[in-house]
Amino acid sequence: MRERDVAVALNEPTRIIAIRHGQTAWNAEMRMQGQLDTALDALGRWQAEQLADALHDEPIDAIVSSDLARAMHTAAPLARRRALAVRADPSLRERSFGVFQGFTYAHIARHWPEGAARWRVRDPQFAAEGGETLVDFYQRVIDAAQRLALEFTGRSVVWVTHGGVLDCLHRAAMRVALDASRTWTLDNASINRLLHSDQGLMLVGWGDVRHLDARAPSLQTGES
């Protein structure tokens, strides 16, 4: 592509619908998932179907998902109804929490109190053994966001991903520091809207869960 064509393309924003995966049993148990490959529970599968209903009339050109099962399975109903393939992209994975993964938050606080404290105050340089620092995770997410946004310049794309990734996208769009307290939601199966242009990411709408208002009474929700 010629330099002039690139400049023109960058003026056309990419419309991004960023979605957190549906609920898993580990969400409900307050257990650290990180990059371990967990599946949706019954409520999570229902949320994925409701999400597909909510986005039925949206203009969607592509669906890109974290390659972890909970994200891929959340994307599947939408992809099926829209006759689109889901492209798996490991760069949209959740942050790796190393040795913390697989344990409840209470267990982590008891067995790694110093590390748990640094994680909770969002120390940008902290990494659990074998895991990513917040700085490295954020850079991975923002690099992926720019790459994918430029690939789909001027079009609409769905990203199905994880709470930590959404947190990074929100901070980038709102220019919020990595160690600042979070004041926004990261709900399972939430719809979050952004634009990407040559000015970077811009927030359009966040935390839409109206499609989950009619939650089936037999299904129990857990913590996000």
C-alpha atoms as a PDB file:
ATOM      1  CA  MET A   1       0.000   0.000   0.000  1.00  0.00           C
ATOM      2  CA  ARG A   2       1.331   3.453  -0.911  1.00  0.00           C
ATOM      3  CA  GLU A   3       2.094   5.993   1.833  1.00  0.00           C
ATOM      4  CA  ARG A   4      -0.855   8.171   0.812  1.00  0.00           C
ATOM      5  CA  ASP A   5      -3.212   5.179   0.888  1.00  0.00           C
ATOM      6  CA  VAL A   6      -2.034   4.301   4.402  1.00  0.00           C
ATOM      7  CA  ALA A   7      -2.705   7.856   5.555  1.00  0.00           C
ATOM      8  CA  VAL A   8      -6.209   7.772   4.109  1.00  0.00           C
ATOM      9  CA  ALA A   9      -6.934   4.378   5.648  1.00  0.00           C
ATOM     10  CA  LEU A  10      -5.852   5.554   9.094  1.00  0.00           C
ATOM     11  CA  ASN A  11      -8.529   8.253   8.979  1.00  0.00           C
ATOM     12  CA  GLU A  12     -11.230   5.584   8.801  1.00  0.00           C
ATOM     13  CA  PRO A  13     -11.873   4.280  12.315  1.00  0.00           C
ATOM     14  CA  THR A  14     -12.169   0.614  13.151  1.00  0.00           C
ATOM     15  CA  ARG A  15     -15.336  -0.146  15.096  1.00  0.00           C
ATOM     16  CA  ILE A  16     -14.574  -2.611  17.894  1.00  0.00           C
ATOM     17  CA  ILE A  17     -17.038  -4.621  19.962  1.00  0.00           C
ATOM     18  CA  ALA A  18     -14.966  -6.068  22.812  1.00  0.00           C
ATOM     19  CA  ILE A  19     -16.611  -8.862  24.785  1.00  0.00           C
ATOM     20  CA  ARG A  20     -15.625 -10.634  27.958  1.00  0.00           C
ATOM     21  CA  HIS A  21     -16.185 -14.403  27.883  1.00  0.00           C
ATOM     22  CA  GLY A  22     -19.195 -15.901  29.638  1.00  0.00           C
ATOM     23  CA  GLN A  23     -19.071 -17.200  33.171  1.00  0.00           C
ATOM     24  CA  THR A  24     -17.042 -20.256  34.145  1.00  0.00           C
ATOM     25  CA  ALA A  25     -17.254 -22.341  37.310  1.00  0.00           C
ATOM     26  CA  TRP A  26     -13.957 -20.792  38.363  1.00  0.00           C
ATOM     27  CA  ASN A  27     -15.428 -17.292  38.078  1.00  0.00           C
ATOM     28  CA  ALA A  28     -18.154 -18.352  40.494  1.00  0.00           C
ATOM     29  CA  GLU A  29     -15.573 -19.909  42.855  1.00  0.00           C
ATOM     30  CA  MET A  30     -13.327 -16.811  42.790  1.00  0.00           C
ATOM     31  CA  ARG A  31     -10.512 -18.984  41.444  1.00  0.00           C
ATOM     32  CA  MET A  32      -7.645 -17.548  39.399  1.00  0.00           C
ATOM     33  CA  GLN A  33      -7.876 -18.686  35.786  1.00  0.00           C
ATOM     34  CA  GLY A  34      -5.205 -16.674  34.005  1.00  0.00           C
ATOM     35  CA  GLN A  35      -4.135 -18.702  30.986  1.00  0.00           C
ATOM     36  CA  LEU A  36      -5.447 -22.052  32.220  1.00  0.00           C
ATOM     37  CA  ASP A  37      -8.039 -23.376  29.786  1.00  0.00           C
ATOM     38  CA  THR A  38     -11.391 -23.489  31.575  1.00  0.00           C
ATOM     39  CA  ALA A  39     -14.829 -24.038  30.032  1.00  0.00           C
ATOM     40  CA  LEU A  40     -18.054 -22.063  30.298  1.00  0.00           C
ATOM     41  CA  ASP A  41     -20.531 -23.268  32.899  1.00  0.00           C
ATOM     42  CA  ALA A  42     -24.291 -23.536  32.263  1.00  0.00           C
ATOM     43  CA  LEU A  43     -24.830 -19.835  32.913  1.00  0.00           C
ATOM     44  CA  GLY A  44     -21.888 -18.926  30.701  1.00  0.00           C
ATOM     45  CA  ARG A  45     -23.304 -20.930  27.809  1.00  0.00           C
ATOM     46  CA  TRP A  46     -26.655 -19.190  28.262  1.00  0.00           C
ATOM     47  CA  GLN A  47     -24.884 -15.814  28.322  1.00  0.00           C
ATOM     48  CA  ALA A  48     -23.167 -16.637  25.032  1.00  0.00           C
ATOM     49  CA  GLU A  49     -26.530 -17.312  23.387  1.00  0.00           C
ATOM     50  CA  GLN A  50     -28.007 -14.086  24.788  1.00  0.00           C
ATOM     51  CA  LEU A  51     -24.997 -12.219  23.483  1.00  0.00           C
ATOM     52  CA  ALA A  52     -25.545 -13.627  20.005  1.00  0.00           C
ATOM     53  CA  ASP A  53     -29.162 -12.471  20.169  1.00  0.00           C
ATOM     54  CA  ALA A  54     -28.141  -8.982  21.273  1.00  0.00           C
ATOM     55  CA  LEU A  55     -25.700  -8.567  18.375  1.00  0.00           C
ATOM     56  CA  HIS A  56     -27.941 -10.170  15.759  1.00  0.00           C
ATOM     57  CA  ASP A  57     -28.450  -6.986  13.720  1.00  0.00           C
ATOM     58  CA  GLU A  58     -24.989  -5.479  14.223  1.00  0.00           C
ATOM     59  CA  PRO A  59     -22.750  -4.937  11.186  1.00  0.00           C
ATOM     60  CA  ILE A  60     -19.906  -7.373  11.903  1.00  0.00           C
ATOM     61  CA  ASP A  61     -17.122  -8.095   9.434  1.00  0.00           C
ATOM     62  CA  ALA A  62     -14.973 -10.419  11.531  1.00  0.00           C
ATOM     63  CA  ILE A  63     -14.766 -12.185  14.884  1.00  0.00           C
ATOM     64  CA  VAL A  64     -11.390 -12.578  16.588  1.00  0.00           C
ATOM     65  CA  SER A  65     -11.121 -14.463  19.872  1.00  0.00           C
ATOM     66  CA  SER A  66      -8.588 -15.423  22.463  1.00  0.00           C
ATOM     67  CA  ASP A  67      -7.684 -19.027  21.772  1.00  0.00           C
ATOM     68  CA  LEU A  68      -8.715 -20.119  25.284  1.00  0.00           C
ATOM     69  CA  ALA A  69     -11.859 -22.275  25.349  1.00  0.00           C
ATOM     70  CA  ARG A  70     -13.989 -19.942  27.470  1.00  0.00           C
ATOM     71  CA  ALA A  71     -13.560 -17.168  24.892  1.00  0.00           C
ATOM     72  CA  MET A  72     -13.875 -19.385  21.814  1.00  0.00           C
ATOM     73  CA  HIS A  73     -17.071 -20.963  23.171  1.00  0.00           C
ATOM     74  CA  THR A  74     -18.504 -17.508  23.910  1.00  0.00           C
ATOM     75  CA  ALA A  75     -17.819 -16.476  20.321  1.00  0.00           C
ATOM     76  CA  ALA A  76     -19.289 -19.646  18.807  1.00  0.00           C
ATOM     77  CA  PRO A  77     -23.052 -18.847  18.905  1.00  0.00           C
ATOM     78  CA  LEU A  78     -22.513 -15.406  17.385  1.00  0.00           C
ATOM     79  CA  ALA A  79     -20.256 -16.827  14.682  1.00  0.00           C
ATOM     80  CA  ARG A  80     -22.743 -19.582  13.873  1.00  0.00           C
ATOM     81  CA  ARG A  81     -25.657 -17.188  13.479  1.00  0.00           C
ATOM     82  CA  ARG A  82     -23.640 -14.766  11.363  1.00  0.00           C
ATOM     83  CA  ALA A  83     -21.984 -17.488   9.258  1.00  0.00           C
ATOM     84  CA  LEU A  84     -18.551 -16.163  10.184  1.00  0.00           C
ATOM     85  CA  ALA A  85     -15.446 -18.066  11.170  1.00  0.00           C
ATOM     86  CA  VAL A  86     -13.842 -17.323  14.544  1.00  0.00           C
ATOM     87  CA  ARG A  87     -10.165 -16.500  14.248  1.00  0.00           C
ATOM     88  CA  ALA A  88      -8.183 -17.564  17.303  1.00  0.00           C
ATOM     89  CA  ASP A  89      -5.478 -15.128  18.416  1.00  0.00           C
ATOM     90  CA  PRO A  90      -3.299 -16.008  21.449  1.00  0.00           C
ATOM     91  CA  SER A  91      -2.369 -12.346  21.926  1.00  0.00           C
ATOM     92  CA  LEU A  92      -5.919 -11.767  23.267  1.00  0.00           C
ATOM     93  CA  ARG A  93      -5.351 -14.230  26.118  1.00  0.00           C
ATOM     94  CA  GLU A  94      -5.760 -13.258  29.742  1.00  0.00           C
ATOM     95  CA  ARG A  95      -2.691 -12.249  31.728  1.00  0.00           C
ATOM     96  CA  SER A  96      -0.560 -15.156  32.863  1.00  0.00           C
ATOM     97  CA  PHE A  97      -0.505 -15.382  36.655  1.00  0.00           C
ATOM     98  CA  GLY A  98       2.018 -18.192  36.865  1.00  0.00           C
ATOM     99  CA  VAL A  99       1.873 -20.112  40.160  1.00  0.00           C
ATOM    100  CA  PHE A 100      -1.306 -18.267  41.232  1.00  0.00           C
ATOM    101  CA  GLN A 101      -3.326 -19.986  38.495  1.00  0.00           C
ATOM    102  CA  GLY A 102      -5.785 -22.633  39.637  1.00  0.00           C
ATOM    103  CA  PHE A 103      -6.048 -21.380  43.214  1.00  0.00           C
ATOM    104  CA  THR A 104      -8.801 -19.356  44.886  1.00  0.00           C
ATOM    105  CA  TYR A 105      -8.099 -15.745  45.775  1.00  0.00           C
ATOM    106  CA  ALA A 106      -8.315 -16.697  49.460  1.00  0.00           C
ATOM    107  CA  HIS A 107      -5.691 -19.430  49.003  1.00  0.00           C
ATOM    108  CA  ILE A 108      -3.393 -17.027  47.146  1.00  0.00           C
ATOM    109  CA  ALA A 109      -3.679 -14.458  49.944  1.00  0.00           C
ATOM    110  CA  ARG A 110      -2.774 -17.105  52.553  1.00  0.00           C
ATOM    111  CA  HIS A 111       0.115 -18.760  50.728  1.00  0.00           C
ATOM    112  CA  TRP A 112       1.633 -15.802  48.861  1.00  0.00           C
ATOM    113  CA  PRO A 113       0.651 -12.819  51.034  1.00  0.00           C
ATOM    114  CA  GLU A 114       3.323 -10.450  49.716  1.00  0.00           C
ATOM    115  CA  GLY A 115       2.635 -11.308  46.101  1.00  0.00           C
ATOM    116  CA  ALA A 116      -1.120 -11.125  46.627  1.00  0.00           C
ATOM    117  CA  ALA A 117      -0.773  -7.672  48.166  1.00  0.00           C
ATOM    118  CA  ARG A 118       1.342  -6.418  45.257  1.00  0.00           C
ATOM    119  CA  TRP A 119      -1.184  -7.853  42.787  1.00  0.00           C
ATOM    120  CA  ARG A 120      -4.134  -6.215  44.550  1.00  0.00           C
ATOM    121  CA  VAL A 121      -2.536  -2.762  44.579  1.00  0.00           C
ATOM    122  CA  ARG A 122      -1.702  -3.170  40.875  1.00  0.00           C
ATOM    123  CA  ASP A 123       2.069  -2.988  41.200  1.00  0.00           C
ATOM    124  CA  PRO A 124       3.053  -2.622  37.516  1.00  0.00           C
ATOM    125  CA  GLN A 125       6.333  -4.520  37.982  1.00  0.00           C
ATOM    126  CA  PHE A 126       4.930  -7.468  39.931  1.00  0.00           C
ATOM    127  CA  ALA A 127       4.710 -10.906  38.354  1.00  0.00           C
ATOM    128  CA  ALA A 128       3.751 -14.104  40.132  1.00  0.00           C
ATOM    129  CA  GLU A 129       6.420 -16.744  39.575  1.00  0.00           C
ATOM    130  CA  GLY A 130       6.134 -17.859  35.947  1.00  0.00           C
ATOM    131  CA  GLY A 131       3.668 -15.085  35.101  1.00  0.00           C
ATOM    132  CA  GLU A 132       3.589 -11.689  33.379  1.00  0.00           C
ATOM    133  CA  THR A 133       4.140  -8.287  34.909  1.00  0.00           C
ATOM    134  CA  LEU A 134       1.304  -5.837  34.465  1.00  0.00           C
ATOM    135  CA  VAL A 135       3.570  -3.706  32.269  1.00  0.00           C
ATOM    136  CA  ASP A 136       4.374  -6.601  29.936  1.00  0.00           C
ATOM    137  CA  PHE A 137       0.746  -7.734  29.814  1.00  0.00           C
ATOM    138  CA  TYR A 138      -0.481  -4.234  28.984  1.00  0.00           C
ATOM    139  CA  GLN A 139       2.088  -3.888  26.198  1.00  0.00           C
ATOM    140  CA  ARG A 140       1.042  -7.245  24.731  1.00  0.00           C
ATOM    141  CA  VAL A 141      -2.614  -6.202  24.722  1.00  0.00           C
ATOM    142  CA  ILE A 142      -2.049  -2.758  23.228  1.00  0.00           C
ATOM    143  CA  ASP A 143       0.258  -4.136  20.538  1.00  0.00           C
ATOM    144  CA  ALA A 144      -2.412  -6.703  19.631  1.00  0.00           C
ATOM    145  CA  ALA A 145      -5.161  -4.074  19.661  1.00  0.00           C
ATOM    146  CA  GLN A 146      -3.252  -1.818  17.276  1.00  0.00           C
ATOM    147  CA  ARG A 147      -2.360  -4.688  14.963  1.00  0.00           C
ATOM    148  CA  LEU A 148      -5.917  -6.002  14.774  1.00  0.00           C
ATOM    149  CA  ALA A 149      -7.484  -2.556  14.490  1.00  0.00           C
ATOM    150  CA  LEU A 150      -5.237  -1.656  11.565  1.00  0.00           C
ATOM    151  CA  GLU A 151      -5.988  -4.965   9.883  1.00  0.00           C
ATOM    152  CA  PHE A 152      -9.710  -4.161   9.945  1.00  0.00           C
ATOM    153  CA  THR A 153      -9.484  -0.411   9.314  1.00  0.00           C
ATOM    154  CA  GLY A 154     -12.867   1.065   8.418  1.00  0.00           C
ATOM    155  CA  ARG A 155     -14.735  -2.126   9.345  1.00  0.00           C
ATOM    156  CA  SER A 156     -16.500  -3.612  12.372  1.00  0.00           C
ATOM    157  CA  VAL A 157     -14.817  -6.378  14.327  1.00  0.00           C
ATOM    158  CA  VAL A 158     -15.734  -8.355  17.439  1.00  0.00           C
ATOM    159  CA  TRP A 159     -12.982  -9.273  19.906  1.00  0.00           C
ATOM    160  CA  VAL A 160     -13.904 -11.968  22.432  1.00  0.00           C
ATOM    161  CA  THR A 161     -11.438 -11.872  25.274  1.00  0.00           C
ATOM    162  CA  HIS A 162     -10.938 -11.626  29.044  1.00  0.00           C
ATOM    163  CA  GLY A 163     -11.421  -9.225  31.930  1.00  0.00           C
ATOM    164  CA  GLY A 164      -7.778  -8.241  32.170  1.00  0.00           C
ATOM    165  CA  VAL A 165      -7.590  -7.498  28.452  1.00  0.00           C
ATOM    166  CA  LEU A 166     -10.714  -5.346  28.642  1.00  0.00           C
ATOM    167  CA  ASP A 167      -9.215  -3.490  31.596  1.00  0.00           C
ATOM    168  CA  CYS A 168      -6.147  -2.659  29.483  1.00  0.00           C
ATOM    169  CA  LEU A 169      -8.300  -1.465  26.580  1.00  0.00           C
ATOM    170  CA  HIS A 170     -10.336   0.786  28.879  1.00  0.00           C
ATOM    171  CA  ARG A 171      -7.195   2.269  30.422  1.00  0.00           C
ATOM    172  CA  ALA A 172      -5.674   2.927  27.004  1.00  0.00           C
ATOM    173  CA  ALA A 173      -8.842   4.572  25.689  1.00  0.00           C
ATOM    174  CA  MET A 174      -9.354   6.728  28.804  1.00  0.00           C
ATOM    175  CA  ARG A 175      -5.638   7.405  29.453  1.00  0.00           C
ATOM    176  CA  VAL A 176      -5.778   5.860  32.945  1.00  0.00           C
ATOM    177  CA  ALA A 177      -2.562   4.781  34.667  1.00  0.00           C
ATOM    178  CA  LEU A 178      -1.879   1.075  35.155  1.00  0.00           C
ATOM    179  CA  ASP A 179      -1.696   1.380  38.933  1.00  0.00           C
ATOM    180  CA  ALA A 180      -4.878   3.468  39.293  1.00  0.00           C
ATOM    181  CA  SER A 181      -7.852   1.819  40.998  1.00  0.00           C
ATOM    182  CA  ARG A 182     -10.477   0.460  38.631  1.00  0.00           C
ATOM    183  CA  THR A 183     -13.844   2.219  38.726  1.00  0.00           C
ATOM    184  CA  TRP A 184     -15.443   0.448  35.744  1.00  0.00           C
ATOM    185  CA  THR A 185     -17.035  -2.980  35.397  1.00  0.00           C
ATOM    186  CA  LEU A 186     -15.668  -6.069  33.636  1.00  0.00           C
ATOM    187  CA  ASP A 187     -18.774  -8.235  33.594  1.00  0.00           C
ATOM    188  CA  ASN A 188     -18.958 -11.648  31.965  1.00  0.00           C
ATOM    189  CA  ALA A 189     -20.545 -11.485  28.489  1.00  0.00           C
ATOM    190  CA  SER A 190     -20.606  -7.681  28.584  1.00  0.00           C
ATOM    191  CA  ILE A 191     -20.605  -5.620  25.382  1.00  0.00           C
ATOM    192  CA  ASN A 192     -17.980  -2.874  25.269  1.00  0.00           C
ATOM    193  CA  ARG A 193     -17.562  -0.527  22.312  1.00  0.00           C
ATOM    194  CA  LEU A 194     -14.469   1.316  21.131  1.00  0.00           C
ATOM    195  CA  LEU A 195     -13.165   3.082  18.053  1.00  0.00           C
ATOM    196  CA  HIS A 196      -9.590   2.951  16.820  1.00  0.00           C
ATOM    197  CA  SER A 197      -8.230   5.702  14.587  1.00  0.00           C
ATOM    198  CA  ASP A 198      -4.893   7.410  14.023  1.00  0.00           C
ATOM    199  CA  GLN A 199      -5.556   9.024  17.427  1.00  0.00           C
ATOM    200  CA  GLY A 200      -5.559   5.633  19.124  1.00  0.00           C
ATOM    201  CA  LEU A 201      -8.398   3.984  21.045  1.00  0.00           C
ATOM    202  CA  MET A 202     -11.533   5.893  22.031  1.00  0.00           C
ATOM    203  CA  LEU A 203     -14.299   4.658  24.313  1.00  0.00           C
ATOM    204  CA  VAL A 204     -17.822   4.658  22.861  1.00  0.00           C
ATOM    205  CA  GLY A 205     -19.798   2.554  25.341  1.00  0.00           C
ATOM    206  CA  TRP A 206     -18.938   0.251  28.225  1.00  0.00           C
ATOM    207  CA  GLY A 207     -20.330  -2.585  30.301  1.00  0.00           C
ATOM    208  CA  ASP A 208     -23.606  -3.178  28.471  1.00  0.00           C
ATOM    209  CA  VAL A 209     -25.286  -6.237  30.016  1.00  0.00           C
ATOM    210  CA  ARG A 210     -28.923  -5.422  29.232  1.00  0.00           C
ATOM    211  CA  HIS A 211     -29.117  -8.601  27.168  1.00  0.00           C
ATOM    212  CA  LEU A 212     -28.646 -10.555  30.410  1.00  0.00           C
ATOM    213  CA  ASP A 213     -31.555  -8.920  32.267  1.00  0.00           C
ATOM    214  CA  ALA A 214     -33.847 -11.876  31.494  1.00  0.00           C
ATOM    215  CA  ARG A 215     -31.521 -14.348  33.217  1.00  0.00           C
ATOM    216  CA  ALA A 216     -33.059 -17.820  33.449  1.00  0.00           C
ATOM    217  CA  PRO A 217     -34.176 -18.292  37.093  1.00  0.00           C
ATOM    218  CA  SER A 218     -32.648 -21.771  37.325  1.00  0.00           C
ATOM    219  CA  LEU A 219     -29.137 -20.471  36.621  1.00  0.00           C
ATOM    220  CA  GLN A 220     -26.992 -18.978  39.323  1.00  0.00           C
ATOM    221  CA  THR A 221     -24.538 -16.183  38.714  1.00  0.00           C
ATOM    222  CA  GLY A 222     -21.120 -15.934  40.314  1.00  0.00           C
ATOM    223  CA  GLU A 223     -18.607 -13.175  40.866  1.00  0.00           C
ATOM    224  CA  SER A 224     -16.957 -11.765  37.742  1.00  0.00           C
END
